[in-house]
Amino acid sequence: MEYWESKLDLSPLRARFPALEQHDEMGRPYVYFDGPGGTQVPQAVMDAMAAYFKRANANCGGPFITSRRNDEMIVQARTAMADFLNAGSEHEIIFGANMTTLTFSISRAIGRMLQPGDEIIVTHLDHDANISPWLALKEKGIIVKWANFKVNDCRLDLEHLASLLSPKTRLIALGYASNAVGTINPIKKIASMAHAAGAWVWVDAVHYAPHGAIDVQNIDCDFLVCSAYKFFGPHVGVAWGRPDLLEQLAAYKVRPSNPNPPHKFETGTLNQEGLAGVIAAVDYLAEVGRRYGSSATLEGLNLNNYSGRRKELKQAMGIIAAYERPLFSYMIRELEKISGLKIYGILNPDQFHERCPTLAFTRQGLSPEAIAGDLAQQGIFVWHGNYYALAVTERLGVEDSGGMVRAGLAHYNTKEEVDRFLAVLKNEIKS
């Protein structure tokens, strides 16, 4: 088997995504390598949101049928996300506008429990949505320390992180995976380090969620946030927290709202039609698990602790990883042949289980904006700049020169799309 080939054929799933049928004025299908900024959605998600407006469009707590349907749908959405994250119960699931809003909101509640001189650790590898909310607590006298990453392979420097821990450390905020360079952090190991020091762990799983199974009980974090629009759903933010901590935190809320978690953290009316889409997105992934769950590519995947939809979801994420990694390996190896192109992050295909299928690169003599613009003219969508991972581009020394070009694979992408991308970079971009 060639190194770019997968044992899996996920091409039938492409028909579920209407956006993949769109073409430019020359009849070329669009190539969506912009998934790190937001994935495309299956038709089932669109249908679920439309059905909500038809059958359940009402606010919460009313005695009439549409309100009762709405309330039940919200419970189903919490249950779906509890399954997706392997949470203890649906009562641990909080919804909000997006991960950034939820992090700012809950970090303020955490800040109420801290004292001047207490310490929080953030990392240079993170999206700024998991940095700025914690920096904002400096106004309360909180000390924020920065953990470095290794520039050569963009792995978090665990020795440096460990050296920052002290009896005053109260929380470590870090990403499950870097949205810029794809590095997957060893969350369980870091959680053990943090808990030994008496600190909590806040995990930004936004970038990791479409590529790997999340099990909050197994990784032993204390809080985790993600966004449904990064795993084939609508623009909805999701937070999970340990139930004892959610009980302890004093949320900023209006007086008449429910004082119990998760409700006390949900300010105002939720994006309820979006929650209907969240259910459909989770069910889509569960269907992938059912359809391909007997695949030989899942050999060695431990599913003994899961059942029902939770097992199907873990199977789905194993299937997605088994498809994406060979394709990503091919993409990396071909890019390495292009003169003047520098790729950041882990480059050994044998270690791609330690990164998501997201790559960032620069090319000598061309700005990231120019490269992204040329690709866009060919119907290929990628990002350029810092993608809010400002600390990453600053540490890599590329912020002042326009950042990097970022391309990411999802399970609906194909080798043919990768080849179109490579052809532009090899043959059509002119300095």
Protein backbone atom coordinates (compact mmCIF):
# COMPACT_ATOMS: atom_id res chain seq x y z
CA MET A 1 0.00 0.00 0.00
CA GLU A 2 1.36 3.44 -0.92
CA TYR A 3 1.87 5.73 2.02
CA TRP A 4 -0.95 8.08 0.97
CA GLU A 5 -3.54 5.33 0.72
CA SER A 6 -6.01 4.48 3.45
CA LYS A 7 -7.74 1.21 4.17
CA LEU A 8 -10.92 3.26 4.35
CA ASP A 9 -13.05 4.77 1.61
CA LEU A 10 -15.01 7.60 3.19
CA SER A 11 -15.93 9.18 -0.16
CA PRO A 12 -19.62 8.18 0.17
CA LEU A 13 -19.85 10.57 3.11
CA ARG A 14 -19.09 13.54 0.88
CA ALA A 15 -22.62 13.36 -0.52
CA ARG A 16 -23.89 14.32 2.95
CA PHE A 17 -22.26 17.78 2.69
CA PRO A 18 -24.05 20.11 0.25
CA ALA A 19 -21.20 22.64 0.30
CA LEU A 20 -18.92 20.10 -1.33
CA GLU A 21 -21.08 20.30 -4.46
CA GLN A 22 -20.32 24.01 -4.96
CA HIS A 23 -18.18 25.06 -7.93
CA ASP A 24 -16.42 28.22 -9.05
CA GLU A 25 -17.20 30.05 -12.30
CA MET A 26 -14.88 27.69 -14.18
CA GLY A 27 -16.74 24.63 -12.96
CA ARG A 28 -14.05 23.53 -10.49
CA PRO A 29 -15.33 22.12 -7.18
CA TYR A 30 -14.32 24.19 -4.20
CA VAL A 31 -11.64 22.63 -2.01
CA TYR A 32 -12.28 23.26 1.67
CA PHE A 33 -8.96 23.18 3.51
CA ASP A 34 -10.29 25.91 5.82
CA GLY A 35 -11.71 23.40 8.30
CA PRO A 36 -9.52 24.62 11.20
CA GLY A 37 -11.57 27.82 11.07
CA GLY A 38 -14.86 25.94 10.77
CA THR A 39 -15.91 22.72 9.05
CA GLN A 40 -18.69 22.23 6.54
CA VAL A 41 -21.93 20.67 7.78
CA PRO A 42 -23.98 17.70 6.62
CA GLN A 43 -27.50 18.14 5.30
CA ALA A 44 -28.87 16.50 8.44
CA VAL A 45 -27.67 19.44 10.52
CA MET A 46 -29.42 21.92 8.24
CA ASP A 47 -32.59 19.83 8.31
CA ALA A 48 -32.58 19.60 12.10
CA MET A 49 -32.28 23.35 12.48
CA ALA A 50 -35.08 23.98 9.97
CA ALA A 51 -37.28 21.40 11.75
CA TYR A 52 -36.70 23.18 15.05
CA PHE A 53 -38.15 26.41 13.65
CA LYS A 54 -41.17 24.51 12.35
CA ARG A 55 -41.97 22.41 15.41
CA ALA A 56 -40.28 23.80 18.54
CA ASN A 57 -39.58 27.50 18.10
CA ALA A 58 -40.36 28.83 21.58
CA ASN A 59 -38.60 29.88 24.72
CA CYS A 60 -38.11 27.68 27.77
CA GLY A 61 -40.55 26.76 30.51
CA GLY A 62 -43.92 27.28 28.87
CA PRO A 63 -46.88 24.88 29.29
CA PHE A 64 -47.58 24.77 25.54
CA ILE A 65 -46.38 22.15 23.08
CA THR A 66 -43.67 24.12 21.26
CA SER A 67 -42.06 25.18 24.53
CA ARG A 68 -42.18 21.62 25.87
CA ARG A 69 -40.58 20.37 22.65
CA ASN A 70 -37.91 23.04 22.98
CA ASP A 71 -37.13 22.04 26.56
CA GLU A 72 -36.82 18.39 25.62
CA MET A 73 -34.58 19.27 22.70
CA ILE A 74 -32.20 21.13 25.03
CA VAL A 75 -31.98 18.06 27.26
CA GLN A 76 -31.24 15.94 24.18
CA ALA A 77 -28.49 18.37 23.15
CA ARG A 78 -26.88 18.14 26.58
CA THR A 79 -27.09 14.36 26.40
CA ALA A 80 -25.55 14.33 22.94
CA MET A 81 -22.58 16.40 24.08
CA ALA A 82 -22.23 14.34 27.25
CA ASP A 83 -21.91 11.32 24.97
CA PHE A 84 -19.44 13.13 22.70
CA LEU A 85 -17.20 14.06 25.64
CA ASN A 86 -17.93 10.98 27.79
CA ALA A 87 -19.14 13.24 30.58
CA GLY A 88 -20.68 11.89 33.76
CA SER A 89 -24.09 13.37 32.98
CA GLU A 90 -25.85 15.94 30.82
CA HIS A 91 -25.90 18.32 33.81
CA GLU A 92 -22.17 18.91 33.28
CA ILE A 93 -22.72 20.41 29.80
CA ILE A 94 -22.92 24.19 29.38
CA PHE A 95 -23.86 25.92 26.12
CA GLY A 96 -22.91 29.39 24.96
CA ALA A 97 -22.20 31.54 21.94
CA ASN A 98 -18.73 30.10 21.36
CA MET A 99 -15.66 28.84 23.21
CA THR A 100 -14.24 32.34 23.63
CA THR A 101 -17.38 33.71 25.27
CA LEU A 102 -17.67 30.72 27.59
CA THR A 103 -14.02 30.96 28.59
CA PHE A 104 -14.30 34.65 29.42
CA SER A 105 -17.50 34.01 31.39
CA ILE A 106 -16.35 31.02 33.43
CA SER A 107 -12.84 32.41 33.95
CA ARG A 108 -14.44 35.39 35.67
CA ALA A 109 -16.30 33.02 37.96
CA ILE A 110 -13.05 31.19 38.69
CA GLY A 111 -11.40 34.53 39.35
CA ARG A 112 -13.87 35.15 42.17
CA MET A 113 -12.30 32.21 44.02
CA LEU A 114 -8.70 33.39 43.60
CA GLN A 115 -6.58 35.68 45.72
CA PRO A 116 -3.89 38.21 44.78
CA GLY A 117 -0.64 36.34 44.27
CA ASP A 118 -2.32 33.16 43.03
CA GLU A 119 -0.83 31.86 39.79
CA ILE A 120 -2.21 30.68 36.44
CA ILE A 121 -0.11 29.07 33.70
CA VAL A 122 -0.87 29.64 30.02
CA THR A 123 1.15 28.46 27.01
CA HIS A 124 2.69 30.07 23.95
CA LEU A 125 1.15 27.25 21.89
CA ASP A 126 -2.45 28.33 22.44
CA HIS A 127 -5.18 30.21 20.63
CA ASP A 128 -5.60 33.59 22.29
CA ALA A 129 -9.09 32.64 23.45
CA ASN A 130 -7.33 30.46 26.02
CA ILE A 131 -4.85 33.17 26.95
CA SER A 132 -6.53 36.59 27.08
CA PRO A 133 -9.33 35.54 29.49
CA TRP A 134 -6.66 34.47 32.00
CA LEU A 135 -4.51 37.54 31.39
CA ALA A 136 -7.59 39.61 32.23
CA LEU A 137 -7.46 38.23 35.76
CA LYS A 138 -4.20 40.10 36.34
CA GLU A 139 -6.41 43.02 37.31
CA LYS A 140 -7.25 41.00 40.44
CA GLY A 141 -3.57 40.56 41.26
CA ILE A 142 -3.32 37.10 39.67
CA ILE A 143 0.14 36.20 38.35
CA VAL A 144 0.16 34.66 34.87
CA LYS A 145 3.14 32.54 33.83
CA TRP A 146 3.92 31.40 30.27
CA ALA A 147 4.97 27.88 29.29
CA ASN A 148 7.14 27.66 26.18
CA PHE A 149 7.04 25.29 23.23
CA LYS A 150 10.03 23.95 21.33
CA VAL A 151 10.45 25.88 18.11
CA ASN A 152 12.01 22.97 16.19
CA ASP A 153 8.92 20.73 16.35
CA CYS A 154 6.30 22.92 18.09
CA ARG A 155 5.87 20.53 20.99
CA LEU A 156 5.04 21.94 24.40
CA ASP A 157 8.14 22.06 26.64
CA LEU A 158 6.93 19.90 29.53
CA GLU A 159 10.08 20.46 31.56
CA HIS A 160 9.57 24.20 31.37
CA LEU A 161 5.92 23.79 32.24
CA ALA A 162 6.81 21.68 35.28
CA SER A 163 9.31 24.31 36.43
CA LEU A 164 6.52 26.91 36.54
CA LEU A 165 4.38 24.94 38.98
CA SER A 166 4.41 26.17 42.54
CA PRO A 167 2.26 25.94 45.69
CA LYS A 168 0.49 29.06 44.39
CA THR A 169 -0.49 27.55 41.01
CA ARG A 170 -4.27 27.39 40.80
CA LEU A 171 -4.89 26.56 37.13
CA ILE A 172 -3.15 25.51 33.91
CA ALA A 173 -4.89 26.60 30.70
CA LEU A 174 -3.79 24.80 27.56
CA GLY A 175 -5.06 23.44 24.28
CA TYR A 176 -5.75 19.82 23.48
CA ALA A 177 -4.24 20.59 20.06
CA SER A 178 -2.72 23.70 18.53
CA ASN A 179 -5.00 25.39 16.02
CA ALA A 180 -1.91 26.76 14.24
CA VAL A 181 0.56 23.89 13.97
CA GLY A 182 -1.58 20.91 14.98
CA THR A 183 0.48 19.66 17.97
CA ILE A 184 -1.54 17.41 20.29
CA ASN A 185 -0.63 17.94 23.93
CA PRO A 186 -0.41 15.04 26.44
CA ILE A 187 -3.35 16.29 28.47
CA LYS A 188 -3.59 13.35 30.85
CA LYS A 189 0.08 13.66 31.81
CA ILE A 190 -0.23 17.41 32.30
CA ALA A 191 -3.40 16.97 34.36
CA SER A 192 -1.50 14.62 36.66
CA MET A 193 1.27 17.20 37.06
CA ALA A 194 -1.26 19.93 37.77
CA HIS A 195 -3.28 17.97 40.29
CA ALA A 196 -0.13 16.96 42.14
CA ALA A 197 0.49 20.68 42.61
CA GLY A 198 -3.13 21.31 43.63
CA ALA A 199 -4.07 23.08 40.40
CA TRP A 200 -7.00 22.74 38.02
CA VAL A 201 -6.70 22.11 34.28
CA TRP A 202 -8.68 24.05 31.68
CA VAL A 203 -8.55 22.45 28.22
CA ASP A 204 -9.38 24.15 24.91
CA ALA A 205 -10.41 21.19 22.72
CA VAL A 206 -11.78 23.27 19.83
CA HIS A 207 -9.15 22.20 17.31
CA TYR A 208 -8.87 18.60 18.48
CA ALA A 209 -12.58 17.77 18.47
CA PRO A 210 -13.07 16.92 14.75
CA HIS A 211 -10.01 14.68 14.68
CA GLY A 212 -9.96 12.54 17.83
CA ALA A 213 -12.11 11.08 20.59
CA ILE A 214 -12.46 13.20 23.73
CA ASP A 215 -12.94 11.49 27.09
CA VAL A 216 -12.99 13.99 29.93
CA GLN A 217 -13.08 11.22 32.51
CA ASN A 218 -10.01 9.50 31.09
CA ILE A 219 -7.84 12.60 30.62
CA ASP A 220 -8.87 13.80 34.10
CA CYS A 221 -9.13 17.49 33.28
CA ASP A 222 -11.32 19.83 35.32
CA PHE A 223 -12.84 21.94 32.55
CA LEU A 224 -13.00 21.50 28.78
CA VAL A 225 -14.39 23.73 26.06
CA CYS A 226 -15.06 23.18 22.37
CA SER A 227 -17.19 24.56 19.53
CA ALA A 228 -19.67 22.55 17.47
CA TYR A 229 -18.89 24.45 14.26
CA LYS A 230 -15.44 22.85 14.29
CA PHE A 231 -16.92 19.32 14.26
CA PHE A 232 -19.54 19.59 11.51
CA GLY A 233 -22.19 21.44 13.48
CA PRO A 234 -23.52 25.00 13.87
CA HIS A 235 -22.00 27.97 15.68
CA VAL A 236 -22.49 26.86 19.28
CA GLY A 237 -19.95 26.82 22.09
CA VAL A 238 -19.80 23.97 24.62
CA ALA A 239 -18.18 23.80 28.04
CA TRP A 240 -17.83 20.87 30.40
CA GLY A 241 -16.83 21.06 34.04
CA ARG A 242 -16.45 18.74 36.97
CA PRO A 243 -19.79 18.83 38.79
CA ASP A 244 -18.30 19.71 42.18
CA LEU A 245 -16.47 22.67 40.67
CA LEU A 246 -19.53 23.86 38.76
CA GLU A 247 -21.42 23.83 42.04
CA GLN A 248 -18.72 25.85 43.79
CA LEU A 249 -18.33 28.58 41.19
CA ALA A 250 -20.40 31.72 41.61
CA ALA A 251 -21.58 32.57 38.11
CA TYR A 252 -22.36 36.05 36.84
CA LYS A 253 -26.09 35.80 36.11
CA VAL A 254 -29.40 37.63 36.17
CA ARG A 255 -31.35 37.17 39.40
CA PRO A 256 -34.39 35.22 38.11
CA SER A 257 -32.34 32.62 36.23
CA ASN A 258 -31.82 29.08 37.49
CA PRO A 259 -29.09 29.14 40.21
CA ASN A 260 -27.96 25.58 39.53
CA PRO A 261 -25.40 24.31 37.01
CA PRO A 262 -25.33 24.18 34.11
CA HIS A 263 -28.05 26.82 33.80
CA LYS A 264 -26.39 29.46 35.97
CA PHE A 265 -23.57 29.79 33.43
CA GLU A 266 -25.91 30.20 30.43
CA THR A 267 -26.63 33.91 30.24
CA GLY A 268 -29.88 34.61 28.44
CA THR A 269 -31.67 32.54 25.82
CA LEU A 270 -29.53 29.91 24.14
CA ASN A 271 -29.06 29.47 20.40
CA GLN A 272 -31.77 26.84 20.51
CA GLU A 273 -31.97 26.12 16.79
CA GLY A 274 -28.21 25.68 16.96
CA LEU A 275 -28.63 23.08 19.70
CA ALA A 276 -30.91 21.12 17.38
CA GLY A 277 -28.01 21.19 14.91
CA VAL A 278 -25.60 20.00 17.60
CA ILE A 279 -27.70 16.88 18.14
CA ALA A 280 -27.66 16.19 14.41
CA ALA A 281 -23.89 16.71 14.18
CA VAL A 282 -23.25 14.25 17.01
CA ASP A 283 -25.68 11.77 15.46
CA TYR A 284 -23.90 12.12 12.11
CA LEU A 285 -20.61 11.14 13.72
CA ALA A 286 -22.29 8.26 15.55
CA GLU A 287 -23.60 7.04 12.20
CA VAL A 288 -20.04 7.09 10.83
CA GLY A 289 -19.07 4.89 13.75
CA ARG A 290 -21.88 2.45 13.05
CA ARG A 291 -21.22 2.31 9.34
CA TYR A 292 -17.47 1.76 9.52
CA GLY A 293 -17.14 0.41 13.03
CA SER A 294 -16.16 -3.12 12.02
CA SER A 295 -13.21 -1.83 9.99
CA ALA A 296 -9.87 -3.49 10.54
CA THR A 297 -8.41 -0.01 10.98
CA LEU A 298 -9.93 0.03 14.46
CA GLU A 299 -7.86 -2.88 15.69
CA GLY A 300 -6.34 -2.00 19.03
CA LEU A 301 -8.87 0.72 19.82
CA ASN A 302 -10.06 0.10 23.37
CA LEU A 303 -13.83 0.44 23.43
CA ASN A 304 -14.53 -1.67 26.51
CA ASN A 305 -15.58 1.31 28.62
CA TYR A 306 -18.18 2.57 26.16
CA SER A 307 -21.59 1.50 24.93
CA GLY A 308 -24.37 2.78 22.71
CA ARG A 309 -23.80 6.15 21.09
CA ARG A 310 -20.65 6.73 23.13
CA LYS A 311 -19.08 3.64 21.62
CA GLU A 312 -20.17 4.67 18.13
CA LEU A 313 -18.63 8.11 18.61
CA LYS A 314 -15.31 6.66 19.75
CA GLN A 315 -15.36 4.35 16.74
CA ALA A 316 -16.09 7.30 14.46
CA MET A 317 -13.14 9.30 15.72
CA GLY A 318 -10.86 6.30 15.32
CA ILE A 319 -12.10 5.89 11.76
CA ILE A 320 -11.57 9.57 10.99
CA ALA A 321 -8.01 9.47 12.32
CA ALA A 322 -7.26 6.31 10.32
CA TYR A 323 -8.41 8.09 7.16
CA GLU A 324 -6.86 11.50 7.75
CA ARG A 325 -3.34 10.51 8.80
CA PRO A 326 -2.22 8.74 5.60
CA LEU A 327 -3.63 11.57 3.49
CA PHE A 328 -1.91 14.15 5.67
CA SER A 329 1.35 12.19 5.46
CA TYR A 330 1.15 12.37 1.68
CA MET A 331 0.46 16.09 1.77
CA ILE A 332 3.44 16.76 4.06
CA ARG A 333 5.86 14.63 2.07
CA GLU A 334 4.93 16.32 -1.20
CA LEU A 335 5.15 19.80 0.31
CA GLU A 336 8.64 19.02 1.58
CA LYS A 337 9.73 18.69 -2.05
CA ILE A 338 8.88 22.32 -2.83
CA SER A 339 11.86 24.63 -2.78
CA GLY A 340 11.77 27.50 -0.33
CA LEU A 341 8.78 26.16 1.61
CA LYS A 342 9.07 25.78 5.39
CA ILE A 343 6.59 23.62 7.31
CA TYR A 344 6.18 24.10 11.06
CA GLY A 345 5.55 21.36 13.60
CA ILE A 346 6.03 17.61 13.77
CA LEU A 347 7.19 16.26 10.40
CA ASN A 348 7.86 12.57 11.11
CA PRO A 349 4.86 10.60 9.76
CA ASP A 350 5.41 7.98 12.45
CA GLN A 351 4.58 10.69 14.99
CA PHE A 352 1.47 12.07 13.29
CA HIS A 353 -0.62 10.58 16.09
CA GLU A 354 0.84 13.51 18.05
CA ARG A 355 -0.59 16.15 15.73
CA CYS A 356 -3.83 16.93 13.97
CA PRO A 357 -3.93 17.02 10.14
CA THR A 358 -3.32 20.76 10.14
CA LEU A 359 -0.21 22.36 8.71
CA ALA A 360 1.21 25.85 8.72
CA PHE A 361 3.92 26.94 6.31
CA THR A 362 5.75 29.87 4.83
CA ARG A 363 7.44 30.20 1.46
CA GLN A 364 10.50 32.24 0.71
CA GLY A 365 9.77 35.30 -1.43
CA LEU A 366 5.98 35.12 -1.08
CA SER A 367 3.73 36.49 1.64
CA PRO A 368 1.18 34.19 3.28
CA GLU A 369 -1.56 36.54 2.09
CA ALA A 370 -0.39 36.24 -1.51
CA ILE A 371 -0.26 32.45 -1.34
CA ALA A 372 -3.74 32.22 0.20
CA GLY A 373 -5.04 34.64 -2.42
CA ASP A 374 -3.59 32.63 -5.31
CA LEU A 375 -5.06 29.44 -3.92
CA ALA A 376 -8.44 31.14 -3.49
CA GLN A 377 -8.41 32.10 -7.17
CA GLN A 378 -8.06 28.38 -7.92
CA GLY A 379 -11.05 27.54 -5.70
CA ILE A 380 -8.88 26.24 -2.84
CA PHE A 381 -9.64 27.72 0.57
CA VAL A 382 -6.89 28.13 3.18
CA TRP A 383 -6.17 30.63 5.92
CA HIS A 384 -3.29 33.04 6.39
CA GLY A 385 -2.08 35.21 9.27
CA ASN A 386 -2.06 34.08 12.89
CA TYR A 387 -5.60 32.62 13.21
CA TYR A 388 -5.69 34.17 16.73
CA ALA A 389 -2.72 32.01 17.72
CA LEU A 390 -0.74 35.20 18.20
CA ALA A 391 1.61 33.70 20.77
CA VAL A 392 2.59 30.98 18.27
CA THR A 393 3.43 33.30 15.39
CA GLU A 394 5.33 35.61 17.74
CA ARG A 395 7.44 32.79 19.13
CA LEU A 396 8.13 31.41 15.65
CA GLY A 397 9.19 34.88 14.50
CA VAL A 398 6.69 35.16 11.65
CA GLU A 399 4.09 37.56 13.02
CA ASP A 400 5.71 40.68 11.57
CA SER A 401 6.00 39.07 8.12
CA GLY A 402 2.33 38.12 7.83
CA GLY A 403 2.17 34.91 9.83
CA MET A 404 1.80 31.59 8.02
CA VAL A 405 -0.46 29.81 5.55
CA ARG A 406 -2.66 27.22 7.24
CA ALA A 407 -4.36 24.27 5.57
CA GLY A 408 -6.27 21.57 7.37
CA LEU A 409 -7.78 18.26 6.35
CA ALA A 410 -11.13 16.85 7.41
CA HIS A 411 -12.52 13.42 6.70
CA TYR A 412 -14.44 14.77 3.70
CA ASN A 413 -11.25 15.83 1.91
CA THR A 414 -9.64 13.66 -0.77
CA LYS A 415 -6.27 12.94 -2.37
CA GLU A 416 -7.51 14.59 -5.56
CA GLU A 417 -8.07 17.81 -3.63
CA VAL A 418 -4.63 17.56 -2.07
CA ASP A 419 -3.13 17.11 -5.54
CA ARG A 420 -4.90 20.27 -6.78
CA PHE A 421 -3.47 22.15 -3.81
CA LEU A 422 0.02 20.81 -4.47
CA ALA A 423 -0.17 21.63 -8.18
CA VAL A 424 -0.86 25.29 -7.45
CA LEU A 425 2.02 25.52 -5.01
CA LYS A 426 4.41 23.68 -7.32
CA ASN A 427 3.50 25.21 -10.65
CA GLU A 428 1.30 28.27 -10.48
CA ILE A 429 2.43 30.58 -7.68
CA LYS A 430 4.86 33.09 -9.13
CA SER A 431 7.15 35.25 -7.07
